[in-house]
Amino acid sequence: MSTLTAAVAPLTTQEAEALIDAARTAAEAAGVAAAVTVLDAGGHLLAFRRDDRAVLIAGETSTRKAYTALQLDASTADLVEAVQPGGLFHTLPTALDRPLLFIAGGVPVHRDGRLIGAVGVGGGAPEQDHGFATTAVAGLV
């Protein structure tokens, strides 16, 4: 039996820009000034954009949300309860050198069932950011 798996194309800069555009379009339609971060599978920055009107911290939160979604291969919206006292990941936010952020708005990106990156959105309410990120990922072809 072979243990080889087919290679999956990595997330490209062109796709990262499309994710940024889709998330920003969704945010603008909702009247939200947002920041959007796209990371590749290795956690490296592929694209970033912060609306001129977005609060400065939105850039940092979008990046941390994307990093958290990537590292745990899960939407940050699905992880919020896990870091509450008594939760599975209660101490995880302080256990790493690079801080994780368990606020909705980070979504992993998959291709053919494999993790290829993540999108993070900051600037709106957590449920809005999650919606903008999931809209962007759903539109990736």
N, C-alpha and C. Protein backbone atom coordinates (compact mmCIF):
# COMPACT_ATOMS: atom_id res chain seq x y z
N MET A 1 0.83 -1.17 0.00
CA MET A 1 0.00 0.00 0.00
C MET A 1 0.88 1.24 0.00
N SER A 2 0.57 2.19 -0.83
CA SER A 2 1.34 3.42 -0.92
C SER A 2 0.87 4.43 0.13
N THR A 3 1.83 5.10 0.73
CA THR A 3 1.48 6.13 1.71
C THR A 3 1.62 7.52 1.11
N LEU A 4 1.92 7.59 -0.18
CA LEU A 4 2.05 8.88 -0.83
C LEU A 4 0.70 9.53 -1.03
N THR A 5 0.65 10.83 -0.84
CA THR A 5 -0.58 11.57 -1.11
C THR A 5 -0.31 12.55 -2.23
N ALA A 6 -1.33 12.84 -2.98
CA ALA A 6 -1.18 13.78 -4.08
C ALA A 6 -0.87 15.17 -3.54
N ALA A 7 -0.01 15.86 -4.24
CA ALA A 7 0.33 17.23 -3.85
C ALA A 7 -0.87 18.14 -4.06
N VAL A 8 -1.02 19.07 -3.18
CA VAL A 8 -2.09 20.06 -3.29
C VAL A 8 -1.44 21.41 -3.57
N ALA A 9 -1.98 22.11 -4.54
CA ALA A 9 -1.43 23.42 -4.90
C ALA A 9 -1.52 24.37 -3.71
N PRO A 10 -0.46 25.10 -3.43
CA PRO A 10 -0.49 26.05 -2.32
C PRO A 10 -1.38 27.25 -2.66
N LEU A 11 -1.72 27.99 -1.64
CA LEU A 11 -2.47 29.23 -1.80
C LEU A 11 -1.56 30.23 -2.52
N THR A 12 -2.04 30.81 -3.59
CA THR A 12 -1.23 31.75 -4.37
C THR A 12 -1.48 33.18 -3.93
N THR A 13 -0.59 34.06 -4.34
CA THR A 13 -0.78 35.48 -4.03
C THR A 13 -2.02 36.01 -4.73
N GLN A 14 -2.28 35.52 -5.91
CA GLN A 14 -3.48 35.95 -6.64
C GLN A 14 -4.74 35.53 -5.87
N GLU A 15 -4.75 34.32 -5.35
CA GLU A 15 -5.89 33.86 -4.54
C GLU A 15 -5.98 34.65 -3.23
N ALA A 16 -4.83 34.95 -2.64
CA ALA A 16 -4.82 35.74 -1.41
C ALA A 16 -5.43 37.12 -1.65
N GLU A 17 -5.09 37.73 -2.76
CA GLU A 17 -5.66 39.04 -3.10
C GLU A 17 -7.16 38.93 -3.33
N ALA A 18 -7.60 37.83 -3.95
CA ALA A 18 -9.04 37.62 -4.17
C ALA A 18 -9.76 37.46 -2.83
N LEU A 19 -9.13 36.77 -1.88
CA LEU A 19 -9.71 36.62 -0.55
C LEU A 19 -9.83 37.98 0.14
N ILE A 20 -8.79 38.78 0.03
CA ILE A 20 -8.81 40.14 0.60
C ILE A 20 -9.96 40.94 0.00
N ASP A 21 -10.04 40.93 -1.33
CA ASP A 21 -11.08 41.70 -2.02
C ASP A 21 -12.48 41.26 -1.61
N ALA A 22 -12.69 39.95 -1.53
CA ALA A 22 -14.02 39.43 -1.18
C ALA A 22 -14.40 39.81 0.26
N ALA A 23 -13.46 39.69 1.17
CA ALA A 23 -13.75 40.04 2.57
C ALA A 23 -14.00 41.54 2.71
N ARG A 24 -13.21 42.35 2.02
CA ARG A 24 -13.39 43.80 2.09
C ARG A 24 -14.71 44.23 1.45
N THR A 25 -15.08 43.59 0.36
CA THR A 25 -16.35 43.91 -0.29
C THR A 25 -17.51 43.60 0.65
N ALA A 26 -17.45 42.46 1.32
CA ALA A 26 -18.50 42.09 2.29
C ALA A 26 -18.54 43.09 3.45
N ALA A 27 -17.37 43.48 3.93
CA ALA A 27 -17.30 44.43 5.04
C ALA A 27 -17.85 45.79 4.62
N GLU A 28 -17.45 46.26 3.45
CA GLU A 28 -17.93 47.55 2.97
C GLU A 28 -19.44 47.55 2.80
N ALA A 29 -20.00 46.44 2.30
CA ALA A 29 -21.45 46.34 2.12
C ALA A 29 -22.17 46.45 3.46
N ALA A 30 -21.50 46.02 4.53
CA ALA A 30 -22.09 46.08 5.87
C ALA A 30 -21.74 47.38 6.58
N GLY A 31 -20.98 48.26 5.91
CA GLY A 31 -20.59 49.52 6.51
C GLY A 31 -19.49 49.39 7.55
N VAL A 32 -18.67 48.34 7.43
CA VAL A 32 -17.61 48.09 8.40
C VAL A 32 -16.24 48.38 7.77
N ALA A 33 -15.44 49.17 8.45
CA ALA A 33 -14.06 49.42 8.03
C ALA A 33 -13.21 48.32 8.65
N ALA A 34 -12.63 47.46 7.83
CA ALA A 34 -11.97 46.26 8.33
C ALA A 34 -10.53 46.14 7.87
N ALA A 35 -9.82 45.24 8.55
CA ALA A 35 -8.50 44.81 8.13
C ALA A 35 -8.61 43.32 7.82
N VAL A 36 -7.88 42.88 6.79
CA VAL A 36 -7.93 41.48 6.38
C VAL A 36 -6.51 40.97 6.21
N THR A 37 -6.24 39.80 6.75
CA THR A 37 -4.94 39.15 6.65
C THR A 37 -5.12 37.78 6.02
N VAL A 38 -4.21 37.42 5.10
CA VAL A 38 -4.19 36.07 4.53
C VAL A 38 -2.80 35.49 4.76
N LEU A 39 -2.77 34.29 5.37
CA LEU A 39 -1.52 33.58 5.62
C LEU A 39 -1.48 32.31 4.79
N ASP A 40 -0.27 31.88 4.41
CA ASP A 40 -0.13 30.60 3.71
C ASP A 40 -0.07 29.48 4.75
N ALA A 41 0.09 28.25 4.29
CA ALA A 41 0.07 27.09 5.19
C ALA A 41 1.20 27.12 6.22
N GLY A 42 2.28 27.83 5.93
CA GLY A 42 3.38 27.93 6.87
C GLY A 42 3.26 29.09 7.84
N GLY A 43 2.16 29.84 7.75
CA GLY A 43 1.96 30.99 8.62
C GLY A 43 2.60 32.26 8.13
N HIS A 44 3.04 32.26 6.88
CA HIS A 44 3.68 33.44 6.30
C HIS A 44 2.64 34.36 5.68
N LEU A 45 2.85 35.65 5.82
CA LEU A 45 1.92 36.64 5.29
C LEU A 45 1.93 36.62 3.77
N LEU A 46 0.75 36.42 3.18
CA LEU A 46 0.59 36.47 1.72
C LEU A 46 -0.03 37.79 1.29
N ALA A 47 -0.97 38.29 2.09
CA ALA A 47 -1.64 39.55 1.75
C ALA A 47 -2.22 40.17 3.01
N PHE A 48 -2.27 41.50 3.00
CA PHE A 48 -2.82 42.24 4.13
C PHE A 48 -3.35 43.56 3.60
N ARG A 49 -4.50 43.96 4.12
CA ARG A 49 -5.04 45.27 3.79
C ARG A 49 -5.86 45.76 4.95
N ARG A 50 -5.64 47.01 5.32
CA ARG A 50 -6.44 47.66 6.37
C ARG A 50 -7.09 48.88 5.78
N ASP A 51 -8.41 48.95 5.88
CA ASP A 51 -9.16 50.12 5.42
C ASP A 51 -8.62 51.34 6.16
N ASP A 52 -8.52 52.46 5.47
CA ASP A 52 -8.02 53.69 6.08
C ASP A 52 -8.81 54.10 7.32
N ARG A 53 -10.06 53.75 7.36
CA ARG A 53 -10.93 54.14 8.48
C ARG A 53 -10.97 53.11 9.59
N ALA A 54 -10.35 51.96 9.39
CA ALA A 54 -10.38 50.90 10.41
C ALA A 54 -9.53 51.29 11.62
N VAL A 55 -9.97 50.88 12.78
CA VAL A 55 -9.18 51.14 13.98
C VAL A 55 -7.83 50.42 13.83
N LEU A 56 -6.80 51.01 14.38
CA LEU A 56 -5.46 50.46 14.20
C LEU A 56 -5.32 49.03 14.69
N ILE A 57 -5.98 48.70 15.79
CA ILE A 57 -5.85 47.35 16.34
C ILE A 57 -6.45 46.29 15.41
N ALA A 58 -7.29 46.69 14.47
CA ALA A 58 -7.91 45.74 13.55
C ALA A 58 -6.85 44.98 12.75
N GLY A 59 -5.75 45.63 12.43
CA GLY A 59 -4.68 44.96 11.70
C GLY A 59 -4.06 43.83 12.51
N GLU A 60 -3.81 44.11 13.77
CA GLU A 60 -3.23 43.09 14.65
C GLU A 60 -4.22 41.96 14.91
N THR A 61 -5.47 42.30 15.16
CA THR A 61 -6.44 41.25 15.45
C THR A 61 -6.70 40.37 14.23
N SER A 62 -6.72 40.96 13.03
CA SER A 62 -6.94 40.14 11.83
C SER A 62 -5.80 39.14 11.65
N THR A 63 -4.59 39.57 11.92
CA THR A 63 -3.44 38.68 11.77
C THR A 63 -3.44 37.57 12.81
N ARG A 64 -3.74 37.91 14.05
CA ARG A 64 -3.78 36.89 15.11
C ARG A 64 -4.93 35.90 14.90
N LYS A 65 -6.05 36.38 14.39
CA LYS A 65 -7.18 35.48 14.11
C LYS A 65 -6.79 34.50 13.01
N ALA A 66 -6.14 35.00 11.96
CA ALA A 66 -5.72 34.11 10.87
C ALA A 66 -4.73 33.08 11.39
N TYR A 67 -3.77 33.52 12.19
CA TYR A 67 -2.75 32.61 12.73
C TYR A 67 -3.39 31.54 13.62
N THR A 68 -4.35 31.93 14.43
CA THR A 68 -5.03 30.97 15.32
C THR A 68 -5.80 29.94 14.50
N ALA A 69 -6.54 30.41 13.50
CA ALA A 69 -7.31 29.49 12.64
C ALA A 69 -6.37 28.52 11.93
N LEU A 70 -5.22 29.01 11.50
CA LEU A 70 -4.25 28.16 10.81
C LEU A 70 -3.66 27.12 11.76
N GLN A 71 -3.19 27.55 12.91
CA GLN A 71 -2.53 26.64 13.84
C GLN A 71 -3.45 25.54 14.35
N LEU A 72 -4.72 25.85 14.54
CA LEU A 72 -5.65 24.87 15.08
C LEU A 72 -6.57 24.28 14.01
N ASP A 73 -6.38 24.73 12.76
CA ASP A 73 -7.18 24.25 11.63
C ASP A 73 -8.66 24.27 11.97
N ALA A 74 -9.10 25.41 12.50
CA ALA A 74 -10.49 25.57 12.88
C ALA A 74 -10.85 27.05 12.86
N SER A 75 -12.10 27.31 12.63
CA SER A 75 -12.60 28.67 12.69
C SER A 75 -12.47 29.17 14.13
N THR A 76 -12.01 30.40 14.30
CA THR A 76 -11.88 30.94 15.65
C THR A 76 -13.25 31.07 16.32
N ALA A 77 -14.30 31.22 15.54
CA ALA A 77 -15.65 31.28 16.11
C ALA A 77 -16.00 29.97 16.82
N ASP A 78 -15.44 28.87 16.33
CA ASP A 78 -15.72 27.57 16.92
C ASP A 78 -14.84 27.26 18.13
N LEU A 79 -13.88 28.14 18.42
CA LEU A 79 -12.93 27.88 19.49
C LEU A 79 -13.13 28.75 20.73
N VAL A 80 -14.03 29.72 20.65
CA VAL A 80 -14.21 30.67 21.75
C VAL A 80 -14.50 29.97 23.07
N GLU A 81 -15.37 28.99 23.07
CA GLU A 81 -15.72 28.28 24.30
C GLU A 81 -14.55 27.46 24.85
N ALA A 82 -13.68 26.99 23.98
CA ALA A 82 -12.58 26.12 24.39
C ALA A 82 -11.54 26.82 25.26
N VAL A 83 -11.50 28.16 25.24
CA VAL A 83 -10.52 28.87 26.06
C VAL A 83 -11.13 29.46 27.33
N GLN A 84 -12.38 29.20 27.55
CA GLN A 84 -13.02 29.65 28.79
C GLN A 84 -12.49 28.80 29.95
N PRO A 85 -12.57 29.28 31.18
CA PRO A 85 -12.12 28.48 32.32
C PRO A 85 -12.75 27.08 32.28
N GLY A 86 -11.90 26.08 32.41
CA GLY A 86 -12.34 24.70 32.36
C GLY A 86 -12.38 24.13 30.94
N GLY A 87 -12.16 24.98 29.94
CA GLY A 87 -12.19 24.54 28.56
C GLY A 87 -10.92 23.81 28.17
N LEU A 88 -10.99 23.05 27.08
CA LEU A 88 -9.88 22.25 26.59
C LEU A 88 -8.60 23.06 26.35
N PHE A 89 -8.75 24.28 25.84
CA PHE A 89 -7.59 25.12 25.51
C PHE A 89 -7.44 26.31 26.45
N HIS A 90 -7.92 26.21 27.68
CA HIS A 90 -7.92 27.34 28.59
C HIS A 90 -6.56 28.03 28.72
N THR A 91 -5.47 27.30 28.79
CA THR A 91 -4.15 27.92 28.95
C THR A 91 -3.42 28.13 27.64
N LEU A 92 -3.97 27.67 26.54
CA LEU A 92 -3.28 27.77 25.25
C LEU A 92 -2.95 29.20 24.81
N PRO A 93 -3.81 30.19 25.02
CA PRO A 93 -3.48 31.54 24.55
C PRO A 93 -2.17 32.09 25.10
N THR A 94 -1.72 31.62 26.26
CA THR A 94 -0.48 32.13 26.85
C THR A 94 0.67 31.14 26.76
N ALA A 95 0.46 30.01 26.11
CA ALA A 95 1.47 28.95 26.08
C ALA A 95 2.46 29.08 24.93
N LEU A 96 2.20 29.95 23.98
CA LEU A 96 3.05 30.05 22.79
C LEU A 96 3.74 31.40 22.72
N ASP A 97 4.83 31.46 21.98
CA ASP A 97 5.53 32.72 21.79
C ASP A 97 4.69 33.71 20.98
N ARG A 98 4.03 33.20 19.96
CA ARG A 98 3.18 34.05 19.12
C ARG A 98 1.75 33.92 19.62
N PRO A 99 1.17 35.03 20.05
CA PRO A 99 -0.15 34.95 20.68
C PRO A 99 -1.26 34.53 19.73
N LEU A 100 -2.14 33.70 20.26
CA LEU A 100 -3.34 33.29 19.56
C LEU A 100 -4.46 34.22 19.99
N LEU A 101 -5.50 34.29 19.17
CA LEU A 101 -6.64 35.14 19.51
C LEU A 101 -7.92 34.37 19.25
N PHE A 102 -8.64 34.11 20.31
CA PHE A 102 -9.85 33.31 20.23
C PHE A 102 -11.09 34.19 20.17
N ILE A 103 -11.16 34.98 19.12
CA ILE A 103 -12.31 35.83 18.83
C ILE A 103 -12.72 35.51 17.40
N ALA A 104 -14.01 35.39 17.14
CA ALA A 104 -14.49 35.06 15.80
C ALA A 104 -13.94 36.02 14.75
N GLY A 105 -13.59 35.44 13.59
CA GLY A 105 -13.06 36.24 12.48
C GLY A 105 -11.90 35.57 11.77
N GLY A 106 -11.42 34.44 12.28
CA GLY A 106 -10.36 33.68 11.64
C GLY A 106 -10.92 32.40 11.05
N VAL A 107 -10.58 32.10 9.79
CA VAL A 107 -11.13 30.92 9.12
C VAL A 107 -10.01 30.23 8.33
N PRO A 108 -9.86 28.92 8.50
CA PRO A 108 -8.86 28.19 7.71
C PRO A 108 -9.30 28.08 6.24
N VAL A 109 -8.32 27.92 5.37
CA VAL A 109 -8.59 27.74 3.94
C VAL A 109 -8.08 26.35 3.55
N HIS A 110 -8.96 25.56 2.93
CA HIS A 110 -8.62 24.20 2.50
C HIS A 110 -8.73 24.06 0.99
N ARG A 111 -7.92 23.17 0.45
CA ARG A 111 -8.04 22.77 -0.95
C ARG A 111 -7.93 21.25 -0.97
N ASP A 112 -8.90 20.60 -1.58
CA ASP A 112 -8.92 19.14 -1.65
C ASP A 112 -8.73 18.51 -0.27
N GLY A 113 -9.36 19.13 0.74
CA GLY A 113 -9.31 18.59 2.09
C GLY A 113 -8.03 18.87 2.86
N ARG A 114 -7.11 19.62 2.27
CA ARG A 114 -5.84 19.93 2.94
C ARG A 114 -5.78 21.42 3.31
N LEU A 115 -5.21 21.72 4.44
CA LEU A 115 -5.05 23.08 4.92
C LEU A 115 -4.00 23.80 4.09
N ILE A 116 -4.37 24.93 3.47
CA ILE A 116 -3.41 25.68 2.64
C ILE A 116 -3.22 27.12 3.11
N GLY A 117 -3.94 27.52 4.15
CA GLY A 117 -3.79 28.89 4.64
C GLY A 117 -4.94 29.27 5.54
N ALA A 118 -5.03 30.58 5.80
CA ALA A 118 -6.11 31.08 6.66
C ALA A 118 -6.35 32.55 6.37
N VAL A 119 -7.57 32.98 6.67
CA VAL A 119 -7.99 34.37 6.52
C VAL A 119 -8.41 34.87 7.90
N GLY A 120 -8.01 36.10 8.21
CA GLY A 120 -8.46 36.74 9.44
C GLY A 120 -9.02 38.10 9.13
N VAL A 121 -10.12 38.45 9.77
CA VAL A 121 -10.74 39.76 9.58
C VAL A 121 -10.93 40.41 10.94
N GLY A 122 -10.60 41.68 11.03
CA GLY A 122 -10.79 42.46 12.25
C GLY A 122 -11.39 43.81 11.91
N GLY A 123 -12.11 44.38 12.86
CA GLY A 123 -12.66 45.71 12.65
C GLY A 123 -14.14 45.80 12.94
N GLY A 124 -14.86 44.71 12.76
CA GLY A 124 -16.28 44.70 13.05
C GLY A 124 -16.54 43.94 14.34
N ALA A 125 -17.80 43.69 14.61
CA ALA A 125 -18.15 42.81 15.74
C ALA A 125 -17.67 41.41 15.37
N PRO A 126 -17.33 40.58 16.34
CA PRO A 126 -16.81 39.24 16.02
C PRO A 126 -17.66 38.45 15.03
N GLU A 127 -18.98 38.47 15.21
CA GLU A 127 -19.83 37.70 14.29
C GLU A 127 -19.80 38.30 12.88
N GLN A 128 -19.62 39.62 12.77
CA GLN A 128 -19.48 40.24 11.45
C GLN A 128 -18.17 39.80 10.81
N ASP A 129 -17.08 39.88 11.56
CA ASP A 129 -15.77 39.49 11.03
C ASP A 129 -15.79 38.04 10.56
N HIS A 130 -16.43 37.18 11.33
CA HIS A 130 -16.55 35.77 10.94
C HIS A 130 -17.31 35.65 9.61
N GLY A 131 -18.38 36.38 9.49
CA GLY A 131 -19.16 36.35 8.25
C GLY A 131 -18.36 36.83 7.05
N PHE A 132 -17.58 37.90 7.23
CA PHE A 132 -16.76 38.42 6.12
C PHE A 132 -15.71 37.40 5.70
N ALA A 133 -15.08 36.77 6.69
CA ALA A 133 -14.05 35.77 6.40
C ALA A 133 -14.63 34.53 5.72
N THR A 134 -15.76 34.04 6.23
CA THR A 134 -16.35 32.84 5.62
C THR A 134 -16.88 33.14 4.23
N THR A 135 -17.39 34.33 4.00
CA THR A 135 -17.83 34.72 2.66
C THR A 135 -16.65 34.69 1.69
N ALA A 136 -15.52 35.23 2.13
CA ALA A 136 -14.33 35.24 1.27
C ALA A 136 -13.86 33.83 0.93
N VAL A 137 -13.79 32.97 1.95
CA VAL A 137 -13.31 31.61 1.73
C VAL A 137 -14.29 30.83 0.85
N ALA A 138 -15.58 31.03 1.06
CA ALA A 138 -16.58 30.32 0.25
C ALA A 138 -16.48 30.70 -1.23
N GLY A 139 -16.03 31.93 -1.50
CA GLY A 139 -15.92 32.38 -2.88
C GLY A 139 -14.64 31.99 -3.58
N LEU A 140 -13.71 31.37 -2.85
CA LEU A 140 -12.44 30.95 -3.46
C LEU A 140 -12.69 29.75 -4.35
N VAL A 141 -12.30 29.88 -5.60
CA VAL A 141 -12.52 28.78 -6.56
C VAL A 141 -11.23 28.06 -6.84
